[in-house]
PDB file of N, CA and C in Angstrom:
ATOM      1  N   MET A   1       0.725  -1.001   0.181  1.00  0.00           N
ATOM      2  CA  MET A   1      -0.075  -0.127  -0.027  1.00  0.00           C
ATOM      3  C   MET A   1       0.958   1.386  -0.043  1.00  0.00           C
ATOM      4  N   HIS A   2       0.629   2.284  -0.780  1.00  0.00           N
ATOM      5  CA  HIS A   2       1.232   3.456  -0.929  1.00  0.00           C
ATOM      6  C   HIS A   2       0.384   4.597  -0.792  1.00  0.00           C
ATOM      7  N   PRO A   3       0.107   5.192   0.503  1.00  0.00           N
ATOM      8  CA  PRO A   3      -0.826   6.242   0.713  1.00  0.00           C
ATOM      9  C   PRO A   3      -0.390   7.636  -0.155  1.00  0.00           C
ATOM     10  N   SER A   4      -1.174   8.236  -0.637  1.00  0.00           N
ATOM     11  CA  SER A   4      -1.181   9.348  -1.290  1.00  0.00           C
ATOM     12  C   SER A   4      -1.775  10.608  -0.570  1.00  0.00           C
ATOM     13  N   PHE A   5      -1.433  11.802  -0.845  1.00  0.00           N
ATOM     14  CA  PHE A   5      -2.095  12.886   0.020  1.00  0.00           C
ATOM     15  C   PHE A   5      -2.726  13.865  -1.034  1.00  0.00           C
ATOM     16  N   ARG A   6      -3.921  14.338  -0.725  1.00  0.00           N
ATOM     17  CA  ARG A   6      -4.722  14.974  -1.554  1.00  0.00           C
ATOM     18  C   ARG A   6      -5.500  16.121  -0.600  1.00  0.00           C
ATOM     19  N   ARG A   7      -5.717  17.257  -0.946  1.00  0.00           N
ATOM     20  CA  ARG A   7      -6.280  18.122  -0.240  1.00  0.00           C
ATOM     21  C   ARG A   7      -7.781  18.446  -0.878  1.00  0.00           C
ATOM     22  N   TYR A   8      -8.794  18.254   0.044  1.00  0.00           N
ATOM     23  CA  TYR A   8     -10.130  18.572  -0.506  1.00  0.00           C
ATOM     24  C   TYR A   8     -10.569  19.962   0.258  1.00  0.00           C
ATOM     25  N   ASP A   9     -10.880  21.108  -0.518  1.00  0.00           N
ATOM     26  CA  ASP A   9     -11.198  22.177   0.083  1.00  0.00           C
ATOM     27  C   ASP A   9     -12.840  22.346   0.356  1.00  0.00           C
ATOM     28  N   TRP A  10     -13.100  23.276   1.087  1.00  0.00           N
ATOM     29  CA  TRP A  10     -14.546  23.390   1.345  1.00  0.00           C
ATOM     30  C   TRP A  10     -15.323  23.971   0.246  1.00  0.00           C
ATOM     31  N   THR A  11     -16.423  23.205  -0.164  1.00  0.00           N
ATOM     32  CA  THR A  11     -17.104  23.589  -1.378  1.00  0.00           C
ATOM     33  C   THR A  11     -18.227  24.657  -1.036  1.00  0.00           C
ATOM     34  N   ARG A  12     -18.196  25.010   0.245  1.00  0.00           N
ATOM     35  CA  ARG A  12     -19.266  26.211   0.583  1.00  0.00           C
ATOM     36  C   ARG A  12     -20.986  25.555   0.262  1.00  0.00           C
ATOM     37  N   ARG A  13     -21.057  24.349  -0.021  1.00  0.00           N
ATOM     38  CA  ARG A  13     -22.435  23.797  -0.190  1.00  0.00           C
ATOM     39  C   ARG A  13     -23.133  23.645   1.057  1.00  0.00           C
ATOM     40  N   ASN A  14     -22.480  23.491   2.129  1.00  0.00           N
ATOM     41  CA  ASN A  14     -23.063  23.358   3.354  1.00  0.00           C
ATOM     42  C   ASN A  14     -21.818  23.559   4.407  1.00  0.00           C
ATOM     43  N   ASP A  15     -22.089  23.582   5.699  1.00  0.00           N
ATOM     44  CA  ASP A  15     -21.251  23.723   6.670  1.00  0.00           C
ATOM     45  C   ASP A  15     -20.931  22.449   7.810  1.00  0.00           C
ATOM     46  N   HIS A  16     -21.287  21.359   7.200  1.00  0.00           N
ATOM     47  CA  HIS A  16     -20.939  20.016   7.935  1.00  0.00           C
ATOM     48  C   HIS A  16     -19.688  19.351   8.132  1.00  0.00           C
ATOM     49  N   PHE A  17     -19.001  20.366   8.671  1.00  0.00           N
ATOM     50  CA  PHE A  17     -17.414  19.901   9.051  1.00  0.00           C
ATOM     51  C   PHE A  17     -17.202  18.653   9.838  1.00  0.00           C
ATOM     52  N   VAL A  18     -17.659  18.658  11.057  1.00  0.00           N
ATOM     53  CA  VAL A  18     -17.444  17.631  12.007  1.00  0.00           C
ATOM     54  C   VAL A  18     -18.637  17.339  12.812  1.00  0.00           C
ATOM     55  N   LEU A  19     -19.067  16.021  12.918  1.00  0.00           N
ATOM     56  CA  LEU A  19     -20.113  15.594  13.734  1.00  0.00           C
ATOM     57  C   LEU A  19     -19.412  14.530  14.878  1.00  0.00           C
ATOM     58  N   ALA A  20     -19.584  15.162  16.116  1.00  0.00           N
ATOM     59  CA  ALA A  20     -19.079  14.355  17.214  1.00  0.00           C
ATOM     60  C   ALA A  20     -20.169  14.016  18.021  1.00  0.00           C
ATOM     61  N   ALA A  21     -20.681  12.885  18.073  1.00  0.00           N
ATOM     62  CA  ALA A  21     -21.983  12.274  18.700  1.00  0.00           C
ATOM     63  C   ALA A  21     -21.446  11.141  19.460  1.00  0.00           C
ATOM     64  N   PRO A  22     -22.257  10.830  20.400  1.00  0.00           N
ATOM     65  CA  PRO A  22     -21.980   9.645  21.392  1.00  0.00           C
ATOM     66  C   PRO A  22     -21.778   8.410  20.600  1.00  0.00           C
ATOM     67  N   ASP A  23     -22.340   8.329  19.451  1.00  0.00           N
ATOM     68  CA  ASP A  23     -22.067   6.917  18.642  1.00  0.00           C
ATOM     69  C   ASP A  23     -21.135   7.110  17.340  1.00  0.00           C
ATOM     70  N   CYS A  24     -20.708   8.228  17.184  1.00  0.00           N
ATOM     71  CA  CYS A  24     -19.743   8.251  16.022  1.00  0.00           C
ATOM     72  C   CYS A  24     -18.902   9.675  15.995  1.00  0.00           C
ATOM     73  N   LEU A  25     -17.773   9.481  15.138  1.00  0.00           N
ATOM     74  CA  LEU A  25     -17.276  10.918  14.700  1.00  0.00           C
ATOM     75  C   LEU A  25     -17.204  10.798  13.231  1.00  0.00           C
ATOM     76  N   ALA A  26     -17.734  11.804  12.650  1.00  0.00           N
ATOM     77  CA  ALA A  26     -17.666  11.957  11.190  1.00  0.00           C
ATOM     78  C   ALA A  26     -17.215  13.458  10.664  1.00  0.00           C
ATOM     79  N   PHE A  27     -16.748  13.342   9.507  1.00  0.00           N
ATOM     80  CA  PHE A  27     -16.410  14.568   8.798  1.00  0.00           C
ATOM     81  C   PHE A  27     -17.090  14.736   7.606  1.00  0.00           C
ATOM     82  N   GLY A  28     -17.378  15.980   7.194  1.00  0.00           N
ATOM     83  CA  GLY A  28     -18.072  16.170   5.944  1.00  0.00           C
ATOM     84  C   GLY A  28     -19.447  15.737   5.930  1.00  0.00           C
ATOM     85  N   GLY A  29     -20.251  16.157   5.059  1.00  0.00           N
ATOM     86  CA  GLY A  29     -21.763  15.634   5.236  1.00  0.00           C
ATOM     87  C   GLY A  29     -22.385  16.243   3.997  1.00  0.00           C
ATOM     88  N   GLY A  30     -23.888  16.210   3.983  1.00  0.00           N
ATOM     89  CA  GLY A  30     -24.702  16.589   2.919  1.00  0.00           C
ATOM     90  C   GLY A  30     -25.157  15.393   2.093  1.00  0.00           C
ATOM     91  N   GLY A  31     -25.648  14.184   2.870  1.00  0.00           N
ATOM     92  CA  GLY A  31     -25.971  13.050   2.188  1.00  0.00           C
ATOM     93  C   GLY A  31     -25.074  11.909   2.403  1.00  0.00           C
ATOM     94  N   HIS A  32     -23.833  12.065   2.695  1.00  0.00           N
ATOM     95  CA  HIS A  32     -22.906  11.058   2.899  1.00  0.00           C
ATOM     96  C   HIS A  32     -21.729  11.767   3.725  1.00  0.00           C
ATOM     97  N   PHE A  33     -21.142  10.875   4.637  1.00  0.00           N
ATOM     98  CA  PHE A  33     -20.100  11.508   5.358  1.00  0.00           C
ATOM     99  C   PHE A  33     -18.748  11.252   4.674  1.00  0.00           C
ATOM    100  N   GLY A  34     -17.917  12.102   4.603  1.00  0.00           N
ATOM    101  CA  GLY A  34     -16.546  12.030   3.787  1.00  0.00           C
ATOM    102  C   GLY A  34     -15.803  10.898   4.534  1.00  0.00           C
ATOM    103  N   LEU A  35     -15.906  10.906   5.946  1.00  0.00           N
ATOM    104  CA  LEU A  35     -15.048   9.940   6.682  1.00  0.00           C
ATOM    105  C   LEU A  35     -15.832   9.866   8.200  1.00  0.00           C
ATOM    106  N   TYR A  36     -16.200   8.608   8.305  1.00  0.00           N
ATOM    107  CA  TYR A  36     -16.954   8.112   9.519  1.00  0.00           C
ATOM    108  C   TYR A  36     -16.354   7.098  10.374  1.00  0.00           C
ATOM    109  N   PHE A  37     -16.155   7.227  11.679  1.00  0.00           N
ATOM    110  CA  PHE A  37     -15.832   6.234  12.549  1.00  0.00           C
ATOM    111  C   PHE A  37     -16.932   5.881  13.571  1.00  0.00           C
ATOM    112  N   ASP A  38     -17.071   4.601  13.827  1.00  0.00           N
ATOM    113  CA  ASP A  38     -18.027   4.416  14.761  1.00  0.00           C
ATOM    114  C   ASP A  38     -17.495   4.587  16.238  1.00  0.00           C
ATOM    115  N   ALA A  39     -18.451   4.557  17.280  1.00  0.00           N
ATOM    116  CA  ALA A  39     -18.035   5.027  18.531  1.00  0.00           C
ATOM    117  C   ALA A  39     -16.843   4.247  19.199  1.00  0.00           C
ATOM    118  N   SER A  40     -16.652   2.997  18.839  1.00  0.00           N
ATOM    119  CA  SER A  40     -15.590   2.146  19.364  1.00  0.00           C
ATOM    120  C   SER A  40     -14.176   2.217  18.544  1.00  0.00           C
ATOM    121  N   PHE A  41     -14.334   2.924  17.398  1.00  0.00           N
ATOM    122  CA  PHE A  41     -12.975   3.198  16.634  1.00  0.00           C
ATOM    123  C   PHE A  41     -12.732   1.761  15.794  1.00  0.00           C
ATOM    124  N   GLU A  42     -13.763   0.948  15.774  1.00  0.00           N
ATOM    125  CA  GLU A  42     -13.540  -0.397  15.108  1.00  0.00           C
ATOM    126  C   GLU A  42     -13.801  -0.383  13.651  1.00  0.00           C
ATOM    127  N   TYR A  43     -14.891   0.349  13.270  1.00  0.00           N
ATOM    128  CA  TYR A  43     -15.282   0.401  11.880  1.00  0.00           C
ATOM    129  C   TYR A  43     -15.461   1.754  11.440  1.00  0.00           C
ATOM    130  N   GLY A  44     -15.289   1.785   9.980  1.00  0.00           N
ATOM    131  CA  GLY A  44     -15.304   2.963   9.598  1.00  0.00           C
ATOM    132  C   GLY A  44     -16.050   3.060   8.076  1.00  0.00           C
ATOM    133  N   SER A  45     -16.316   4.250   7.411  1.00  0.00           N
ATOM    134  CA  SER A  45     -16.783   4.385   5.943  1.00  0.00           C
ATOM    135  C   SER A  45     -16.248   5.594   5.408  1.00  0.00           C
ATOM    136  N   SER A  46     -16.299   5.627   4.088  1.00  0.00           N
ATOM    137  CA  SER A  46     -15.920   7.001   3.578  1.00  0.00           C
ATOM    138  C   SER A  46     -16.722   6.945   2.047  1.00  0.00           C
ATOM    139  N   GLN A  47     -17.369   8.065   1.781  1.00  0.00           N
ATOM    140  CA  GLN A  47     -18.036   8.199   0.681  1.00  0.00           C
ATOM    141  C   GLN A  47     -17.880   9.665   0.324  1.00  0.00           C
ATOM    142  N   GLU A  48     -18.189  10.273  -0.889  1.00  0.00           N
ATOM    143  CA  GLU A  48     -18.281  11.613  -1.363  1.00  0.00           C
ATOM    144  C   GLU A  48     -19.165  12.344  -0.552  1.00  0.00           C
ATOM    145  N   SER A  49     -18.651  13.518  -0.055  1.00  0.00           N
ATOM    146  CA  SER A  49     -19.461  14.310   0.771  1.00  0.00           C
ATOM    147  C   SER A  49     -19.716  15.753  -0.013  1.00  0.00           C
ATOM    148  N   ALA A  50     -20.842  16.365   0.203  1.00  0.00           N
ATOM    149  CA  ALA A  50     -20.992  17.622  -0.260  1.00  0.00           C
ATOM    150  C   ALA A  50     -20.064  18.559   0.173  1.00  0.00           C
ATOM    151  N   THR A  51     -19.669  18.503   1.468  1.00  0.00           N
ATOM    152  CA  THR A  51     -18.895  19.405   2.087  1.00  0.00           C
ATOM    153  C   THR A  51     -17.467  19.694   1.362  1.00  0.00           C
ATOM    154  N   PHE A  52     -17.000  18.854   1.012  1.00  0.00           N
ATOM    155  CA  PHE A  52     -15.579  18.613   0.385  1.00  0.00           C
ATOM    156  C   PHE A  52     -15.448  18.218  -0.863  1.00  0.00           C
ATOM    157  N   ALA A  53     -16.572  17.652  -1.508  1.00  0.00           N
ATOM    158  CA  ALA A  53     -16.439  17.066  -2.814  1.00  0.00           C
ATOM    159  C   ALA A  53     -15.130  16.038  -2.947  1.00  0.00           C
ATOM    160  N   ASN A  54     -15.045  15.253  -1.836  1.00  0.00           N
ATOM    161  CA  ASN A  54     -13.931  14.465  -1.939  1.00  0.00           C
ATOM    162  C   ASN A  54     -14.315  12.974  -2.483  1.00  0.00           C
ATOM    163  N   GLU A  55     -13.553  12.282  -2.766  1.00  0.00           N
ATOM    164  CA  GLU A  55     -13.624  11.113  -3.305  1.00  0.00           C
ATOM    165  C   GLU A  55     -13.798  10.156  -2.221  1.00  0.00           C
ATOM    166  N   CYS A  56     -13.790   8.786  -2.271  1.00  0.00           N
ATOM    167  CA  CYS A  56     -13.851   7.706  -1.172  1.00  0.00           C
ATOM    168  C   CYS A  56     -12.396   7.826  -0.832  1.00  0.00           C
ATOM    169  N   LEU A  57     -12.190   7.983   0.731  1.00  0.00           N
ATOM    170  CA  LEU A  57     -10.902   8.053   1.142  1.00  0.00           C
ATOM    171  C   LEU A  57     -10.218   6.839   1.509  1.00  0.00           C
ATOM    172  N   SER A  58     -10.772   5.589   1.128  1.00  0.00           N
ATOM    173  CA  SER A  58     -10.400   4.438   1.512  1.00  0.00           C
ATOM    174  C   SER A  58     -10.493   3.566   0.133  1.00  0.00           C
ATOM    175  N   SER A  59      -9.676   2.368   0.240  1.00  0.00           N
ATOM    176  CA  SER A  59      -9.801   1.481  -1.030  1.00  0.00           C
ATOM    177  C   SER A  59     -11.345   0.832  -0.989  1.00  0.00           C
ATOM    178  N   THR A  60     -12.111   0.744   0.054  1.00  0.00           N
ATOM    179  CA  THR A  60     -13.362   0.246  -0.019  1.00  0.00           C
ATOM    180  C   THR A  60     -14.103   1.241   0.867  1.00  0.00           C
ATOM    181  N   PRO A  61     -15.552   1.445   0.471  1.00  0.00           N
ATOM    182  CA  PRO A  61     -16.237   2.462   1.079  1.00  0.00           C
ATOM    183  C   PRO A  61     -16.584   2.087   2.718  1.00  0.00           C
ATOM    184  N   GLN A  62     -16.642   0.601   2.920  1.00  0.00           N
ATOM    185  CA  GLN A  62     -16.600   0.215   4.366  1.00  0.00           C
ATOM    186  C   GLN A  62     -15.275  -0.486   4.669  1.00  0.00           C
ATOM    187  N   PHE A  63     -14.905  -0.309   6.135  1.00  0.00           N
ATOM    188  CA  PHE A  63     -13.516  -0.773   6.416  1.00  0.00           C
ATOM    189  C   PHE A  63     -13.587  -1.177   7.830  1.00  0.00           C
ATOM    190  N   LYS A  64     -12.546  -1.881   8.178  1.00  0.00           N
ATOM    191  CA  LYS A  64     -12.270  -2.138   9.637  1.00  0.00           C
ATOM    192  C   LYS A  64     -10.922  -1.345   9.950  1.00  0.00           C
ATOM    193  N   ILE A  65     -11.092  -0.456  11.305  1.00  0.00           N
ATOM    194  CA  ILE A  65     -10.012   0.307  11.495  1.00  0.00           C
ATOM    195  C   ILE A  65      -8.933  -0.548  12.252  1.00  0.00           C
ATOM    196  N   ILE A  66      -7.584  -0.315  11.631  1.00  0.00           N
ATOM    197  CA  ILE A  66      -6.354  -0.782  12.297  1.00  0.00           C
ATOM    198  C   ILE A  66      -5.843   0.204  13.195  1.00  0.00           C
ATOM    199  N   LYS A  67      -5.676   1.267  12.666  1.00  0.00           N
ATOM    200  CA  LYS A  67      -4.836   2.291  13.583  1.00  0.00           C
ATOM    201  C   LYS A  67      -5.400   3.760  13.139  1.00  0.00           C
ATOM    202  N   VAL A  68      -5.553   4.665  14.181  1.00  0.00           N
ATOM    203  CA  VAL A  68      -5.871   5.989  13.993  1.00  0.00           C
ATOM    204  C   VAL A  68      -4.854   6.913  14.476  1.00  0.00           C
ATOM    205  N   GLU A  69      -4.579   7.900  13.722  1.00  0.00           N
ATOM    206  CA  GLU A  69      -3.482   8.901  14.039  1.00  0.00           C
ATOM    207  C   GLU A  69      -4.349  10.447  14.056  1.00  0.00           C
ATOM    208  N   ILE A  70      -4.222  11.107  15.017  1.00  0.00           N
ATOM    209  CA  ILE A  70      -5.037  12.355  15.109  1.00  0.00           C
ATOM    210  C   ILE A  70      -3.917  13.358  15.344  1.00  0.00           C
ATOM    211  N   TRP A  71      -4.086  14.390  14.595  1.00  0.00           N
ATOM    212  CA  TRP A  71      -3.166  15.587  14.631  1.00  0.00           C
ATOM    213  C   TRP A  71      -4.156  16.853  15.165  1.00  0.00           C
ATOM    214  N   GLY A  72      -3.286  17.673  16.028  1.00  0.00           N
ATOM    215  CA  GLY A  72      -3.989  18.961  16.357  1.00  0.00           C
ATOM    216  C   GLY A  72      -3.028  20.098  16.074  1.00  0.00           C
ATOM    217  N   PHE A  73      -3.679  21.050  16.104  1.00  0.00           N
ATOM    218  CA  PHE A  73      -2.759  22.268  16.002  1.00  0.00           C
ATOM    219  C   PHE A  73      -3.069  23.418  16.985  1.00  0.00           C
ATOM    220  N   SER A  74      -2.258  24.245  17.320  1.00  0.00           N
ATOM    221  CA  SER A  74      -2.420  25.301  18.349  1.00  0.00           C
ATOM    222  C   SER A  74      -1.938  26.605  17.913  1.00  0.00           C
ATOM    223  N   GLU A  75      -2.069  27.770  18.153  1.00  0.00           N
ATOM    224  CA  GLU A  75      -1.568  29.064  18.059  1.00  0.00           C
ATOM    225  C   GLU A  75      -0.599  29.316  19.010  1.00  0.00           C
ATOM    226  N   GLY A  76       0.600  29.237  18.740  1.00  0.00           N
ATOM    227  CA  GLY A  76       1.873  29.595  19.486  1.00  0.00           C
ATOM    228  C   GLY A  76       2.105  28.761  20.704  1.00  0.00           C
ATOM    229  N   ARG A  77       2.938  29.311  21.560  1.00  0.00           N
ATOM    230  CA  ARG A  77       3.608  28.499  22.612  1.00  0.00           C
ATOM    231  C   ARG A  77       2.651  28.460  23.898  1.00  0.00           C
ATOM    232  N   ALA A  78       1.719  29.570  23.920  1.00  0.00           N
ATOM    233  CA  ALA A  78       0.886  29.857  25.140  1.00  0.00           C
ATOM    234  C   ALA A  78       0.054  28.504  25.406  1.00  0.00           C
ATOM    235  N   ASN A  79      -0.539  28.044  24.372  1.00  0.00           N
ATOM    236  CA  ASN A  79      -1.261  26.928  24.550  1.00  0.00           C
ATOM    237  C   ASN A  79      -0.810  25.612  25.037  1.00  0.00           C
ATOM    238  N   LEU A  80       0.264  25.452  25.023  1.00  0.00           N
ATOM    239  CA  LEU A  80       1.270  24.320  25.431  1.00  0.00           C
ATOM    240  C   LEU A  80       1.088  24.178  27.009  1.00  0.00           C
ATOM    241  N   ASP A  81       0.940  25.199  27.506  1.00  0.00           N
ATOM    242  CA  ASP A  81       0.999  25.392  29.221  1.00  0.00           C
ATOM    243  C   ASP A  81      -0.384  24.978  29.731  1.00  0.00           C
ATOM    244  N   ARG A  82      -1.466  24.764  28.871  1.00  0.00           N
ATOM    245  CA  ARG A  82      -2.739  24.488  29.628  1.00  0.00           C
ATOM    246  C   ARG A  82      -2.966  22.866  29.727  1.00  0.00           C
TER     247      ARG A  82
END
């Protein structure tokens, strides 16, 4: 497997960026989630979302999650002390 990186900009068709609910974590929306994780982070799915007009982000629309890497961003050093 050779991952590749591609950026999907906001289409401005909706503002469904992130859904954080007790049963899932999802990104993008408007009919389908661009990326969806179930509450246990065991299973996920990816389909085209109206929010980002992304392609399916995995080799299959439904998948079993093996590992998740999460990144965060902060503004300056002041946030590191919290």
